Amino acid sequence: MEVVHGHGERFAPEPGQEAPMAEQFARLDFVCGQLDFTDKKVLDCGCGTGYSLAHIASLFPIADYVGIDPDQGAIDYAVNRYPSMEYVVMNALDIKFPAASFDIVLSFEVLEHLTKPEQARYVSEMARVLRPGGTLVLSTPNRDVFSLGYTESLNPYHLSELTLPEMRRLLDAHFQDPTIYGQFFANVAAREKDFAQLRNAFTSWKRLKRHTVGTLRRSGIGDSLYTRYERLKSAVRGPRTVYPFTIKKEDFGFDSDHMNVAKWFLCLCAARAKMVLMWSAVFVGV
């Protein structure tokens, strides 16, 4: 059976994956404290193994939820684990829903898996299916911290991580005054341990090795071979270790004042009125 989680491309609430789940559930709890999902139509783009929607639905059961992901294996896992939820195989670069269909669109840890041109298209598609006044919730790694500013990420499935200025430029094209929070280790001891492992992981030799692997992956054959290798390795030895120390969701904080130590961005973006977007397109000649 194909392993669809635990190898760096996506995760699931399974044994051995407690660390990434702590990071994710801290994020989900923060979002649920900021937004009321009751009676809303909610789309999760790149839903992966489905746990994000299931967690939100456990707190806000009266809403209309649908998750989409291009990977059939991930969707099969989500449907089997959360049978009461709706999950559909669909590529979020071409969302098969009409414009202005949803009140809330979610995107957790998807953007970094896309190339820069794909990122622009992805954000545009999510903006298109949002209703006026709707909200996009988007999280993605902060390259300046997650990868210490280097292009090649520790996670080989990340094609293009963004800095804060890049993040703002991408969102400003479609949303009015996006609010960008940083997700960081509020537990100082955990933060220091995390930075120590990052410094060790970004030595010159290890960066050269990742650059070589990344170059091979950007070729179709190299990407296919690497993905097969990683999944076989996960099947044999189990999920990889993301953190060499135990973390829990209470270790994380969220605000806009700690961007220099924030490993992830968490963005809440209000959709612009469609008329404003139309006139903006006219004036810029689009």
C-alpha atoms as a PDB file:
ATOM      1  CA  MET A   1       0.000   0.000   0.000  1.00  0.00           C
ATOM      2  CA  GLU A   2       1.333   3.429  -0.946  1.00  0.00           C
ATOM      3  CA  VAL A   3       2.471   5.591   1.972  1.00  0.00           C
ATOM      4  CA  VAL A   4       0.844   9.004   1.497  1.00  0.00           C
ATOM      5  CA  HIS A   5       2.017  10.742   4.674  1.00  0.00           C
ATOM      6  CA  GLY A   6       4.929  11.050   7.060  1.00  0.00           C
ATOM      7  CA  HIS A   7       7.632  11.549   4.424  1.00  0.00           C
ATOM      8  CA  GLY A   8       7.806  15.337   4.237  1.00  0.00           C
ATOM      9  CA  GLU A   9       5.216  15.932   1.524  1.00  0.00           C
ATOM     10  CA  ARG A  10       2.284  15.657   3.924  1.00  0.00           C
ATOM     11  CA  PHE A  11       1.508  14.415   7.412  1.00  0.00           C
ATOM     12  CA  ALA A  12      -1.325  12.787   9.323  1.00  0.00           C
ATOM     13  CA  PRO A  13      -2.276  12.325  12.988  1.00  0.00           C
ATOM     14  CA  GLU A  14      -0.542   8.957  13.187  1.00  0.00           C
ATOM     15  CA  PRO A  15       2.072   7.533  15.602  1.00  0.00           C
ATOM     16  CA  GLY A  16       5.501   9.034  14.941  1.00  0.00           C
ATOM     17  CA  GLN A  17       4.113  12.281  13.558  1.00  0.00           C
ATOM     18  CA  GLU A  18       3.289  14.012  16.830  1.00  0.00           C
ATOM     19  CA  ALA A  19       5.725  16.899  16.253  1.00  0.00           C
ATOM     20  CA  PRO A  20       4.317  18.177  12.940  1.00  0.00           C
ATOM     21  CA  MET A  21       0.814  17.600  14.275  1.00  0.00           C
ATOM     22  CA  ALA A  22       1.568  19.803  17.300  1.00  0.00           C
ATOM     23  CA  GLU A  23       2.652  22.565  14.915  1.00  0.00           C
ATOM     24  CA  GLN A  24      -0.460  22.109  12.770  1.00  0.00           C
ATOM     25  CA  PHE A  25      -2.994  21.850  15.592  1.00  0.00           C
ATOM     26  CA  ALA A  26      -1.571  24.959  17.280  1.00  0.00           C
ATOM     27  CA  ARG A  27      -2.221  26.774  13.997  1.00  0.00           C
ATOM     28  CA  LEU A  28      -5.737  25.372  13.649  1.00  0.00           C
ATOM     29  CA  ASP A  29      -6.683  26.308  17.209  1.00  0.00           C
ATOM     30  CA  PHE A  30      -5.442  29.858  16.655  1.00  0.00           C
ATOM     31  CA  VAL A  31      -7.485  30.194  13.455  1.00  0.00           C
ATOM     32  CA  CYS A  32     -10.584  28.842  15.189  1.00  0.00           C
ATOM     33  CA  GLY A  33     -10.125  31.532  17.820  1.00  0.00           C
ATOM     34  CA  GLN A  34     -10.047  34.226  15.132  1.00  0.00           C
ATOM     35  CA  LEU A  35     -12.907  33.122  12.864  1.00  0.00           C
ATOM     36  CA  ASP A  36     -16.457  31.844  13.338  1.00  0.00           C
ATOM     37  CA  PHE A  37     -17.069  29.022  10.859  1.00  0.00           C
ATOM     38  CA  THR A  38     -20.711  28.537  11.833  1.00  0.00           C
ATOM     39  CA  ASP A  39     -23.064  28.421   8.815  1.00  0.00           C
ATOM     40  CA  LYS A  40     -20.167  29.168   6.444  1.00  0.00           C
ATOM     41  CA  LYS A  41     -19.222  27.446   3.191  1.00  0.00           C
ATOM     42  CA  VAL A  42     -15.602  26.403   3.671  1.00  0.00           C
ATOM     43  CA  LEU A  43     -13.083  25.119   1.118  1.00  0.00           C
ATOM     44  CA  ASP A  44      -9.762  23.554   2.138  1.00  0.00           C
ATOM     45  CA  CYS A  45      -7.330  23.740  -0.795  1.00  0.00           C
ATOM     46  CA  GLY A  46      -4.649  21.070  -0.642  1.00  0.00           C
ATOM     47  CA  CYS A  47      -6.442  19.307   2.211  1.00  0.00           C
ATOM     48  CA  GLY A  48      -3.972  16.421   2.206  1.00  0.00           C
ATOM     49  CA  THR A  49      -4.999  13.737   4.687  1.00  0.00           C
ATOM     50  CA  GLY A  50      -8.027  15.744   5.806  1.00  0.00           C
ATOM     51  CA  TYR A  51      -7.293  16.419   9.468  1.00  0.00           C
ATOM     52  CA  SER A  52      -7.525  20.237   9.230  1.00  0.00           C
ATOM     53  CA  LEU A  53     -11.157  20.300   8.123  1.00  0.00           C
ATOM     54  CA  ALA A  54     -12.072  17.501  10.519  1.00  0.00           C
ATOM     55  CA  HIS A  55     -10.566  19.425  13.448  1.00  0.00           C
ATOM     56  CA  ILE A  56     -12.356  22.658  12.552  1.00  0.00           C
ATOM     57  CA  ALA A  57     -15.630  20.781  12.038  1.00  0.00           C
ATOM     58  CA  SER A  58     -15.293  19.270  15.518  1.00  0.00           C
ATOM     59  CA  LEU A  59     -15.421  22.822  16.921  1.00  0.00           C
ATOM     60  CA  PHE A  60     -17.897  24.289  14.401  1.00  0.00           C
ATOM     61  CA  PRO A  61     -20.161  21.423  13.311  1.00  0.00           C
ATOM     62  CA  ILE A  62     -22.804  23.620  11.660  1.00  0.00           C
ATOM     63  CA  ALA A  63     -21.050  24.529   8.415  1.00  0.00           C
ATOM     64  CA  ASP A  64     -20.591  23.244   4.867  1.00  0.00           C
ATOM     65  CA  TYR A  65     -17.076  21.842   4.436  1.00  0.00           C
ATOM     66  CA  VAL A  66     -15.273  20.460   1.377  1.00  0.00           C
ATOM     67  CA  GLY A  67     -11.600  19.573   0.984  1.00  0.00           C
ATOM     68  CA  ILE A  68      -9.750  19.217  -2.320  1.00  0.00           C
ATOM     69  CA  ASP A  69      -6.356  17.721  -3.144  1.00  0.00           C
ATOM     70  CA  PRO A  70      -4.830  16.477  -6.426  1.00  0.00           C
ATOM     71  CA  ASP A  71      -3.446  13.305  -4.796  1.00  0.00           C
ATOM     72  CA  GLN A  72      -5.828  10.337  -4.962  1.00  0.00           C
ATOM     73  CA  GLY A  73      -4.025   8.497  -2.159  1.00  0.00           C
ATOM     74  CA  ALA A  74      -4.355  11.450   0.229  1.00  0.00           C
ATOM     75  CA  ILE A  75      -8.060  11.804  -0.571  1.00  0.00           C
ATOM     76  CA  ASP A  76      -8.623   8.070  -0.061  1.00  0.00           C
ATOM     77  CA  TYR A  77      -6.965   8.344   3.358  1.00  0.00           C
ATOM     78  CA  ALA A  78      -9.111  11.370   4.283  1.00  0.00           C
ATOM     79  CA  VAL A  79     -12.365   9.718   3.165  1.00  0.00           C
ATOM     80  CA  ASN A  80     -11.575   6.533   5.089  1.00  0.00           C
ATOM     81  CA  ARG A  81     -10.521   8.318   8.273  1.00  0.00           C
ATOM     82  CA  TYR A  82     -13.209  11.041   8.247  1.00  0.00           C
ATOM     83  CA  PRO A  83     -16.198   9.475   6.429  1.00  0.00           C
ATOM     84  CA  SER A  84     -18.628  12.211   7.475  1.00  0.00           C
ATOM     85  CA  MET A  85     -16.575  14.897   5.668  1.00  0.00           C
ATOM     86  CA  GLU A  86     -16.495  15.670   1.939  1.00  0.00           C
ATOM     87  CA  TYR A  87     -13.141  15.289   0.179  1.00  0.00           C
ATOM     88  CA  VAL A  88     -12.677  15.500  -3.592  1.00  0.00           C
ATOM     89  CA  VAL A  89      -9.756  14.934  -5.955  1.00  0.00           C
ATOM     90  CA  MET A  90      -9.161  18.340  -7.540  1.00  0.00           C
ATOM     91  CA  ASN A  91      -6.198  20.551  -8.416  1.00  0.00           C
ATOM     92  CA  ALA A  92      -6.420  23.939  -6.700  1.00  0.00           C
ATOM     93  CA  LEU A  93      -4.630  25.558  -9.655  1.00  0.00           C
ATOM     94  CA  ASP A  94      -7.907  25.011 -11.514  1.00  0.00           C
ATOM     95  CA  ILE A  95     -10.696  24.965  -8.931  1.00  0.00           C
ATOM     96  CA  LYS A  96     -13.865  23.474 -10.416  1.00  0.00           C
ATOM     97  CA  PHE A  97     -16.241  25.667  -8.441  1.00  0.00           C
ATOM     98  CA  PRO A  98     -17.954  28.857  -9.645  1.00  0.00           C
ATOM     99  CA  ALA A  99     -16.703  32.282  -8.662  1.00  0.00           C
ATOM    100  CA  ALA A 100     -17.801  33.582  -5.246  1.00  0.00           C
ATOM    101  CA  SER A 101     -18.766  30.104  -3.971  1.00  0.00           C
ATOM    102  CA  PHE A 102     -17.192  30.129  -0.492  1.00  0.00           C
ATOM    103  CA  ASP A 103     -17.142  32.252   2.647  1.00  0.00           C
ATOM    104  CA  ILE A 104     -13.801  30.895   3.869  1.00  0.00           C
ATOM    105  CA  VAL A 105     -10.957  29.331   1.886  1.00  0.00           C
ATOM    106  CA  LEU A 106      -8.156  27.534   3.727  1.00  0.00           C
ATOM    107  CA  SER A 107      -4.621  26.787   2.547  1.00  0.00           C
ATOM    108  CA  PHE A 108      -2.325  25.184   5.101  1.00  0.00           C
ATOM    109  CA  GLU A 109       1.267  24.478   4.031  1.00  0.00           C
ATOM    110  CA  VAL A 110       0.566  24.244   0.287  1.00  0.00           C
ATOM    111  CA  LEU A 111       2.079  27.395  -1.211  1.00  0.00           C
ATOM    112  CA  GLU A 112       5.684  26.289  -0.674  1.00  0.00           C
ATOM    113  CA  HIS A 113       5.087  23.158  -2.772  1.00  0.00           C
ATOM    114  CA  LEU A 114       4.457  25.291  -5.876  1.00  0.00           C
ATOM    115  CA  THR A 115       6.692  27.196  -8.268  1.00  0.00           C
ATOM    116  CA  LYS A 116       6.456  30.992  -8.282  1.00  0.00           C
ATOM    117  CA  PRO A 117       4.177  31.127 -11.388  1.00  0.00           C
ATOM    118  CA  GLU A 118       1.988  28.430  -9.827  1.00  0.00           C
ATOM    119  CA  GLN A 119       1.797  30.398  -6.566  1.00  0.00           C
ATOM    120  CA  ALA A 120       0.384  33.438  -8.363  1.00  0.00           C
ATOM    121  CA  ARG A 121      -2.197  31.283 -10.141  1.00  0.00           C
ATOM    122  CA  TYR A 122      -3.076  29.439  -6.926  1.00  0.00           C
ATOM    123  CA  VAL A 123      -3.738  32.616  -4.942  1.00  0.00           C
ATOM    124  CA  SER A 124      -5.729  34.030  -7.868  1.00  0.00           C
ATOM    125  CA  GLU A 125      -7.931  30.915  -7.967  1.00  0.00           C
ATOM    126  CA  MET A 126      -8.608  31.045  -4.238  1.00  0.00           C
ATOM    127  CA  ALA A 127      -9.501  34.734  -4.501  1.00  0.00           C
ATOM    128  CA  ARG A 128     -11.848  33.942  -7.401  1.00  0.00           C
ATOM    129  CA  VAL A 129     -13.947  31.424  -5.465  1.00  0.00           C
ATOM    130  CA  LEU A 130     -14.214  33.641  -2.373  1.00  0.00           C
ATOM    131  CA  ARG A 131     -17.364  35.670  -1.892  1.00  0.00           C
ATOM    132  CA  PRO A 132     -16.982  39.440  -1.372  1.00  0.00           C
ATOM    133  CA  GLY A 133     -16.009  39.937   2.249  1.00  0.00           C
ATOM    134  CA  GLY A 134     -14.906  36.310   2.534  1.00  0.00           C
ATOM    135  CA  THR A 135     -11.645  35.280   4.164  1.00  0.00           C
ATOM    136  CA  LEU A 136      -8.590  33.418   2.940  1.00  0.00           C
ATOM    137  CA  VAL A 137      -6.558  31.670   5.653  1.00  0.00           C
ATOM    138  CA  LEU A 138      -3.101  30.733   4.385  1.00  0.00           C
ATOM    139  CA  SER A 139      -0.022  29.367   6.141  1.00  0.00           C
ATOM    140  CA  THR A 140       3.421  28.766   4.673  1.00  0.00           C
ATOM    141  CA  PRO A 141       7.036  28.655   5.939  1.00  0.00           C
ATOM    142  CA  ASN A 142       9.025  31.841   6.407  1.00  0.00           C
ATOM    143  CA  ARG A 143      12.143  31.231   4.305  1.00  0.00           C
ATOM    144  CA  ASP A 144      14.260  33.613   6.400  1.00  0.00           C
ATOM    145  CA  VAL A 145      13.788  31.377   9.449  1.00  0.00           C
ATOM    146  CA  PHE A 146      12.623  27.963   8.210  1.00  0.00           C
ATOM    147  CA  SER A 147      15.557  27.777   5.778  1.00  0.00           C
ATOM    148  CA  LEU A 148      17.752  30.542   7.275  1.00  0.00           C
ATOM    149  CA  GLY A 149      17.214  32.543   4.082  1.00  0.00           C
ATOM    150  CA  TYR A 150      18.628  29.896   1.743  1.00  0.00           C
ATOM    151  CA  THR A 151      16.848  28.863  -1.446  1.00  0.00           C
ATOM    152  CA  GLU A 152      17.047  25.104  -0.927  1.00  0.00           C
ATOM    153  CA  SER A 153      14.801  24.042   1.930  1.00  0.00           C
ATOM    154  CA  LEU A 154      15.352  21.301   4.480  1.00  0.00           C
ATOM    155  CA  ASN A 155      12.149  19.842   3.087  1.00  0.00           C
ATOM    156  CA  PRO A 156      12.862  18.591  -0.451  1.00  0.00           C
ATOM    157  CA  TYR A 157       9.183  18.886  -1.350  1.00  0.00           C
ATOM    158  CA  HIS A 158       9.316  22.666  -0.914  1.00  0.00           C
ATOM    159  CA  LEU A 159       9.843  24.274  -4.315  1.00  0.00           C
ATOM    160  CA  SER A 160       9.614  27.946  -3.363  1.00  0.00           C
ATOM    161  CA  GLU A 161       9.458  29.309   0.174  1.00  0.00           C
ATOM    162  CA  LEU A 162       8.786  33.033   0.596  1.00  0.00           C
ATOM    163  CA  THR A 163      10.159  35.908   2.633  1.00  0.00           C
ATOM    164  CA  LEU A 164       7.831  38.416   4.308  1.00  0.00           C
ATOM    165  CA  PRO A 165       8.102  41.045   1.495  1.00  0.00           C
ATOM    166  CA  GLU A 166       7.441  38.344  -1.116  1.00  0.00           C
ATOM    167  CA  MET A 167       4.449  37.130   0.870  1.00  0.00           C
ATOM    168  CA  ARG A 168       2.975  40.628   1.043  1.00  0.00           C
ATOM    169  CA  ARG A 169       3.425  41.242  -2.686  1.00  0.00           C
ATOM    170  CA  LEU A 170       1.709  37.975  -3.551  1.00  0.00           C
ATOM    171  CA  LEU A 171      -1.299  38.663  -1.326  1.00  0.00           C
ATOM    172  CA  ASP A 172      -1.621  42.390  -2.065  1.00  0.00           C
ATOM    173  CA  ALA A 173      -2.530  41.605  -5.684  1.00  0.00           C
ATOM    174  CA  HIS A 174      -5.865  40.128  -4.573  1.00  0.00           C
ATOM    175  CA  PHE A 175      -6.600  41.068  -0.965  1.00  0.00           C
ATOM    176  CA  GLN A 176      -7.114  44.251   1.004  1.00  0.00           C
ATOM    177  CA  ASP A 177      -4.572  44.812   3.798  1.00  0.00           C
ATOM    178  CA  PRO A 178      -3.820  41.148   4.638  1.00  0.00           C
ATOM    179  CA  THR A 179      -3.009  40.452   8.271  1.00  0.00           C
ATOM    180  CA  ILE A 180       0.155  38.355   8.539  1.00  0.00           C
ATOM    181  CA  TYR A 181       0.987  36.675  11.824  1.00  0.00           C
ATOM    182  CA  GLY A 182       4.154  34.785  12.628  1.00  0.00           C
ATOM    183  CA  GLN A 183       3.993  31.329  14.183  1.00  0.00           C
ATOM    184  CA  PHE A 184       7.018  30.869  16.399  1.00  0.00           C
ATOM    185  CA  PHE A 185       8.326  28.835  19.309  1.00  0.00           C
ATOM    186  CA  ALA A 186       7.111  30.861  22.281  1.00  0.00           C
ATOM    187  CA  ASN A 187       8.885  28.304  24.445  1.00  0.00           C
ATOM    188  CA  VAL A 188      12.381  29.813  24.421  1.00  0.00           C
ATOM    189  CA  ALA A 189      14.143  26.510  25.189  1.00  0.00           C
ATOM    190  CA  ALA A 190      12.404  24.848  22.233  1.00  0.00           C
ATOM    191  CA  ARG A 191      13.272  27.828  20.041  1.00  0.00           C
ATOM    192  CA  GLU A 192      16.956  27.622  20.931  1.00  0.00           C
ATOM    193  CA  LYS A 193      17.009  23.868  20.258  1.00  0.00           C
ATOM    194  CA  ASP A 194      15.289  24.434  16.929  1.00  0.00           C
ATOM    195  CA  PHE A 195      17.757  27.114  15.814  1.00  0.00           C
ATOM    196  CA  ALA A 196      20.655  24.883  16.848  1.00  0.00           C
ATOM    197  CA  GLN A 197      19.416  22.084  14.613  1.00  0.00           C
ATOM    198  CA  LEU A 198      18.821  24.553  11.772  1.00  0.00           C
ATOM    199  CA  ARG A 199      22.377  25.871  11.951  1.00  0.00           C
ATOM    200  CA  ASN A 200      23.678  22.307  11.903  1.00  0.00           C
ATOM    201  CA  ALA A 201      21.478  21.454   8.920  1.00  0.00           C
ATOM    202  CA  PHE A 202      22.657  24.406   6.821  1.00  0.00           C
ATOM    203  CA  THR A 203      26.398  23.829   6.748  1.00  0.00           C
ATOM    204  CA  SER A 204      28.055  24.421   3.362  1.00  0.00           C
ATOM    205  CA  TRP A 205      28.309  20.708   2.569  1.00  0.00           C
ATOM    206  CA  LYS A 206      24.688  19.980   3.445  1.00  0.00           C
ATOM    207  CA  ARG A 207      23.503  22.978   1.415  1.00  0.00           C
ATOM    208  CA  LEU A 208      25.470  21.732  -1.601  1.00  0.00           C
ATOM    209  CA  LYS A 209      23.928  18.282  -1.202  1.00  0.00           C
ATOM    210  CA  ARG A 210      20.398  19.729  -1.051  1.00  0.00           C
ATOM    211  CA  HIS A 211      21.084  21.946  -4.066  1.00  0.00           C
ATOM    212  CA  THR A 212      22.158  18.892  -6.079  1.00  0.00           C
ATOM    213  CA  VAL A 213      19.104  16.903  -5.026  1.00  0.00           C
ATOM    214  CA  GLY A 214      16.857  19.882  -5.776  1.00  0.00           C
ATOM    215  CA  THR A 215      18.348  20.291  -9.245  1.00  0.00           C
ATOM    216  CA  LEU A 216      17.706  16.622 -10.006  1.00  0.00           C
ATOM    217  CA  ARG A 217      14.151  16.853  -8.660  1.00  0.00           C
ATOM    218  CA  ARG A 218      13.345  19.752 -10.955  1.00  0.00           C
ATOM    219  CA  SER A 219      13.777  17.347 -13.841  1.00  0.00           C
ATOM    220  CA  GLY A 220      10.753  15.103 -14.335  1.00  0.00           C
ATOM    221  CA  ILE A 221      12.702  11.850 -14.010  1.00  0.00           C
ATOM    222  CA  GLY A 222      14.624  13.026 -10.958  1.00  0.00           C
ATOM    223  CA  ASP A 223      11.446  14.091  -9.182  1.00  0.00           C
ATOM    224  CA  SER A 224       9.747  10.780  -9.871  1.00  0.00           C
ATOM    225  CA  LEU A 225      12.727   8.741  -8.656  1.00  0.00           C
ATOM    226  CA  TYR A 226      13.160  10.869  -5.540  1.00  0.00           C
ATOM    227  CA  THR A 227       9.477  10.605  -4.607  1.00  0.00           C
ATOM    228  CA  ARG A 228       9.540   6.829  -5.010  1.00  0.00           C
ATOM    229  CA  TYR A 229      12.723   6.583  -2.948  1.00  0.00           C
ATOM    230  CA  GLU A 230      11.325   8.710  -0.108  1.00  0.00           C
ATOM    231  CA  ARG A 231       8.068   6.771   0.035  1.00  0.00           C
ATOM    232  CA  LEU A 232       9.877   3.429   0.015  1.00  0.00           C
ATOM    233  CA  LYS A 233      12.153   4.678   2.803  1.00  0.00           C
ATOM    234  CA  SER A 234       9.127   5.810   4.835  1.00  0.00           C
ATOM    235  CA  ALA A 235       7.440   2.441   4.345  1.00  0.00           C
ATOM    236  CA  VAL A 236      10.537   0.598   5.579  1.00  0.00           C
ATOM    237  CA  ARG A 237      11.673   2.740   8.521  1.00  0.00           C
ATOM    238  CA  GLY A 238       8.533   4.708   9.334  1.00  0.00           C
ATOM    239  CA  PRO A 239       7.925   8.484   9.292  1.00  0.00           C
ATOM    240  CA  ARG A 240      10.933  10.766   9.375  1.00  0.00           C
ATOM    241  CA  THR A 241      11.775  12.758  12.494  1.00  0.00           C
ATOM    242  CA  VAL A 242      10.947  16.423  11.967  1.00  0.00           C
ATOM    243  CA  TYR A 243      12.184  17.615  15.354  1.00  0.00           C
ATOM    244  CA  PRO A 244      14.853  15.857  17.422  1.00  0.00           C
ATOM    245  CA  PHE A 245      13.006  16.913  20.590  1.00  0.00           C
ATOM    246  CA  THR A 246       9.463  16.685  21.873  1.00  0.00           C
ATOM    247  CA  ILE A 247       7.137  19.590  21.183  1.00  0.00           C
ATOM    248  CA  LYS A 248       3.507  20.272  21.979  1.00  0.00           C
ATOM    249  CA  LYS A 249       1.055  22.763  20.533  1.00  0.00           C
ATOM    250  CA  GLU A 250       1.317  24.946  23.647  1.00  0.00           C
ATOM    251  CA  ASP A 251       4.955  25.648  22.710  1.00  0.00           C
ATOM    252  CA  PHE A 252       3.850  27.954  19.876  1.00  0.00           C
ATOM    253  CA  GLY A 253       2.872  31.604  19.840  1.00  0.00           C
ATOM    254  CA  PHE A 254       1.266  33.801  17.183  1.00  0.00           C
ATOM    255  CA  ASP A 255       1.693  37.525  16.642  1.00  0.00           C
ATOM    256  CA  SER A 256       3.147  40.064  14.229  1.00  0.00           C
ATOM    257  CA  ASP A 257       5.965  41.135  16.558  1.00  0.00           C
ATOM    258  CA  HIS A 258       8.213  38.069  16.318  1.00  0.00           C
ATOM    259  CA  MET A 259       8.736  37.770  12.563  1.00  0.00           C
ATOM    260  CA  ASN A 260      12.500  37.494  13.087  1.00  0.00           C
ATOM    261  CA  VAL A 261      11.998  34.129  14.810  1.00  0.00           C
ATOM    262  CA  ALA A 262       8.730  33.020  13.180  1.00  0.00           C
ATOM    263  CA  LYS A 263       9.140  29.771  11.208  1.00  0.00           C
ATOM    264  CA  TRP A 264       5.767  30.145   9.501  1.00  0.00           C
ATOM    265  CA  PHE A 265       3.459  32.865   8.230  1.00  0.00           C
ATOM    266  CA  LEU A 266      -0.250  32.657   9.024  1.00  0.00           C
ATOM    267  CA  CYS A 267      -2.223  35.054   6.847  1.00  0.00           C
ATOM    268  CA  LEU A 268      -5.833  36.182   7.216  1.00  0.00           C
ATOM    269  CA  CYS A 269      -6.947  37.969   4.073  1.00  0.00           C
ATOM    270  CA  ALA A 270     -10.267  39.671   3.337  1.00  0.00           C
ATOM    271  CA  ALA A 271     -11.499  39.301  -0.233  1.00  0.00           C
ATOM    272  CA  ARG A 272     -11.859  42.532  -2.155  1.00  0.00           C
ATOM    273  CA  ALA A 273     -15.200  43.443  -3.692  1.00  0.00           C
ATOM    274  CA  LYS A 274     -15.402  42.075  -7.227  1.00  0.00           C
ATOM    275  CA  MET A 275     -16.123  45.531  -8.661  1.00  0.00           C
ATOM    276  CA  VAL A 276     -12.894  46.877  -7.157  1.00  0.00           C
ATOM    277  CA  LEU A 277     -10.952  44.044  -8.756  1.00  0.00           C
ATOM    278  CA  MET A 278     -12.619  44.695 -12.105  1.00  0.00           C
ATOM    279  CA  TRP A 279     -11.721  48.408 -12.141  1.00  0.00           C
ATOM    280  CA  SER A 280      -8.177  47.627 -10.958  1.00  0.00           C
ATOM    281  CA  ALA A 281      -7.780  45.338 -13.956  1.00  0.00           C
ATOM    282  CA  VAL A 282      -9.041  48.051 -16.286  1.00  0.00           C
ATOM    283  CA  PHE A 283      -6.622  50.679 -14.971  1.00  0.00           C
ATOM    284  CA  VAL A 284      -3.574  48.419 -15.162  1.00  0.00           C
ATOM    285  CA  GLY A 285      -4.528  47.198 -18.602  1.00  0.00           C
ATOM    286  CA  VAL A 286      -5.020  43.550 -17.658  1.00  0.00           C
END
